[in-house]
Amino acid sequence: MTPEQVNRHLLHANEVARRAMGLGRHPFGAILVAPDFETVLAEQGNVDTVNHAESTLARTAATNFAPDYLWQCTLVTTVEPCAMCAGTQYWANIGRLVFGMTERELLALTGNHGENPTMDLPSRTVLAAGQKSVRVTGPVPDVQEAIAELHRTFWKA
């Protein structure tokens, strides 16, 4: 994926997060990008504290696409996936991950918020514990401010 594609898809995922926020949900968004690095196959906003955007998207993708195809796809998400979401991506066999900002950067914005008790466990660590080599890109400085702004607005409200 080119840097231009990475930035464009992350901004798309951020718009999905904005829609989730408009529905009163936490501002997280994820999209699934096809092997051509252009086609968006699915998008998902956050649902609730156990149905995060990334894990919900990965489960739906695993139900609808063959594992060999998913291995060529990319999960693009606004914030680094938590351990649950990284694990779900791994088991869904999605071969690439792109995220805009880290979980640690999110914690700096949200503080010790009761609705978002972040885990200091990087997705790279979770994915590296497996037997498959998921390719990870992130954080992406070009889009971090746009993503952070949604979180500043939401978590302070």
Protein backbone atom coordinates (compact mmCIF):
# COMPACT_ATOMS: atom_id res chain seq x y z
CA MET A 1 0.00 0.00 0.00
CA THR A 2 1.41 3.38 -0.95
CA PRO A 3 1.61 6.18 1.62
CA GLU A 4 -1.20 7.99 -0.25
CA GLN A 5 -3.42 4.89 -0.04
CA VAL A 6 -2.60 4.44 3.65
CA ASN A 7 -3.56 8.04 4.44
CA ARG A 8 -6.73 7.94 2.32
CA HIS A 9 -7.94 4.69 3.88
CA LEU A 10 -7.17 5.90 7.40
CA LEU A 11 -9.18 9.06 6.77
CA HIS A 12 -12.03 6.88 5.46
CA ALA A 13 -11.86 4.80 8.66
CA ASN A 14 -11.93 8.05 10.63
CA GLU A 15 -15.17 9.01 8.89
CA VAL A 16 -16.60 5.64 9.94
CA ALA A 17 -15.51 6.52 13.50
CA ARG A 18 -17.22 9.91 13.18
CA ARG A 19 -20.47 8.16 12.19
CA ALA A 20 -20.16 5.83 15.19
CA MET A 21 -19.65 8.87 17.42
CA GLY A 22 -22.77 10.44 15.89
CA LEU A 23 -24.69 7.37 17.05
CA GLY A 24 -23.40 7.86 20.60
CA ARG A 25 -20.78 5.13 20.30
CA HIS A 26 -17.06 5.35 20.94
CA PRO A 27 -15.25 6.97 17.99
CA PHE A 28 -13.42 4.00 16.49
CA GLY A 29 -13.67 2.96 12.86
CA ALA A 30 -12.23 0.19 10.72
CA ILE A 31 -12.36 -0.81 7.08
CA LEU A 32 -11.30 -3.93 5.20
CA VAL A 33 -9.33 -3.23 2.03
CA ALA A 34 -9.06 -5.76 -0.80
CA PRO A 35 -5.76 -7.09 -2.15
CA ASP A 36 -5.77 -4.35 -4.83
CA PHE A 37 -5.25 -1.83 -1.95
CA GLU A 38 -8.12 0.26 -3.37
CA THR A 39 -11.44 -1.54 -2.98
CA VAL A 40 -13.13 -1.22 0.42
CA LEU A 41 -14.86 -4.52 1.12
CA ALA A 42 -16.44 -3.59 4.46
CA GLU A 43 -16.53 -0.89 7.10
CA GLN A 44 -17.42 -1.00 10.75
CA GLY A 45 -17.81 1.51 13.55
CA ASN A 46 -17.51 0.66 17.22
CA VAL A 47 -20.59 -1.08 18.63
CA ASP A 48 -19.86 -1.38 22.35
CA THR A 49 -17.12 -2.34 24.80
CA VAL A 50 -16.93 -5.97 23.63
CA ASN A 51 -17.85 -5.46 19.98
CA HIS A 52 -15.06 -3.17 18.88
CA ALA A 53 -14.93 -2.00 15.27
CA GLU A 54 -11.92 -4.20 14.43
CA SER A 55 -13.11 -7.44 16.04
CA THR A 56 -16.63 -7.08 14.62
CA LEU A 57 -15.21 -6.38 11.16
CA ALA A 58 -12.80 -9.34 11.38
CA ARG A 59 -15.56 -11.75 12.45
CA THR A 60 -17.83 -10.57 9.63
CA ALA A 61 -14.97 -10.88 7.12
CA ALA A 62 -14.16 -14.41 8.28
CA THR A 63 -17.78 -15.37 7.71
CA ASN A 64 -17.91 -13.88 4.20
CA PHE A 65 -14.47 -14.40 2.63
CA ALA A 66 -12.10 -17.33 2.23
CA PRO A 67 -9.04 -17.39 4.53
CA ASP A 68 -6.60 -17.35 1.59
CA TYR A 69 -8.27 -14.22 0.22
CA LEU A 70 -8.32 -12.49 3.62
CA TRP A 71 -4.60 -13.13 4.03
CA GLN A 72 -4.10 -10.72 1.12
CA CYS A 73 -6.42 -8.07 2.62
CA THR A 74 -5.68 -5.17 4.98
CA LEU A 75 -7.56 -4.17 8.11
CA VAL A 76 -7.27 -0.37 8.37
CA THR A 77 -8.25 1.15 11.70
CA THR A 78 -8.05 4.52 13.36
CA VAL A 79 -6.45 3.36 16.61
CA GLU A 80 -4.11 0.44 17.25
CA PRO A 81 -6.18 -2.67 17.92
CA CYS A 82 -6.41 -3.89 21.49
CA ALA A 83 -5.37 -7.44 22.37
CA MET A 84 -8.90 -8.76 21.67
CA CYS A 85 -9.06 -7.12 18.26
CA ALA A 86 -5.54 -8.08 17.22
CA GLY A 87 -6.28 -11.67 18.22
CA THR A 88 -9.53 -11.66 16.26
CA GLN A 89 -7.73 -10.31 13.20
CA TYR A 90 -5.13 -13.05 13.57
CA TRP A 91 -7.75 -15.81 13.79
CA ALA A 92 -9.73 -14.30 10.89
CA ASN A 93 -6.54 -14.61 8.80
CA ILE A 94 -6.37 -10.97 7.72
CA GLY A 95 -2.74 -10.59 6.66
CA ARG A 96 -2.14 -6.86 7.02
CA LEU A 97 -2.89 -4.20 9.60
CA VAL A 98 -2.67 -0.42 9.27
CA PHE A 99 -3.47 1.86 12.21
CA GLY A 100 -3.35 5.62 12.68
CA MET A 101 -2.42 6.14 16.33
CA THR A 102 -1.19 3.87 19.11
CA GLU A 103 -3.14 2.59 22.08
CA ARG A 104 -0.67 4.45 24.31
CA GLU A 105 -1.43 7.72 22.48
CA LEU A 106 -5.14 7.04 22.98
CA LEU A 107 -4.54 6.58 26.71
CA ALA A 108 -2.85 9.99 26.81
CA LEU A 109 -6.05 11.51 25.35
CA THR A 110 -8.61 9.58 27.39
CA GLY A 111 -6.85 9.21 30.71
CA ASN A 112 -8.26 6.64 33.07
CA HIS A 113 -11.74 6.79 31.54
CA GLY A 114 -14.12 4.16 32.88
CA GLU A 115 -15.53 3.44 29.42
CA ASN A 116 -12.11 2.97 27.83
CA PRO A 117 -9.68 1.17 30.15
CA THR A 118 -6.92 0.83 27.58
CA MET A 119 -4.39 -1.99 27.79
CA ASP A 120 -0.72 -1.23 27.37
CA LEU A 121 -0.20 -4.24 25.10
CA PRO A 122 0.86 -3.29 21.56
CA SER A 123 -0.82 -5.14 18.70
CA ARG A 124 2.61 -6.02 17.31
CA THR A 125 3.31 -7.95 20.52
CA VAL A 126 0.02 -9.84 20.29
CA LEU A 127 0.47 -10.65 16.61
CA ALA A 128 4.13 -11.64 17.03
CA ALA A 129 3.06 -14.32 19.51
CA GLY A 130 1.31 -16.21 16.71
CA GLN A 131 2.64 -18.51 14.03
CA LYS A 132 1.60 -16.29 11.11
CA SER A 133 3.42 -13.10 10.17
CA VAL A 134 0.81 -10.33 9.99
CA ARG A 135 2.34 -7.21 8.44
CA VAL A 136 1.79 -4.11 10.57
CA THR A 137 2.01 -0.44 9.57
CA GLY A 138 1.45 2.26 12.14
CA PRO A 139 1.24 4.68 13.69
CA VAL A 140 0.86 7.06 10.75
CA PRO A 141 1.81 10.64 11.72
CA ASP A 142 0.06 12.26 8.73
CA VAL A 143 -3.41 11.36 10.05
CA GLN A 144 -2.88 11.27 13.81
CA GLU A 145 -4.21 14.76 14.45
CA ALA A 146 -7.50 14.11 12.60
CA ILE A 147 -8.00 10.90 14.57
CA ALA A 148 -6.98 12.49 17.88
CA GLU A 149 -9.42 15.36 17.38
CA LEU A 150 -12.41 12.98 17.36
CA HIS A 151 -11.20 11.42 20.59
CA ARG A 152 -10.55 14.76 22.28
CA THR A 153 -14.10 15.81 21.44
CA PHE A 154 -15.72 12.55 22.53
CA TRP A 155 -13.88 11.70 25.74
CA LYS A 156 -14.11 15.21 27.20
CA ALA A 157 -17.86 15.45 26.55
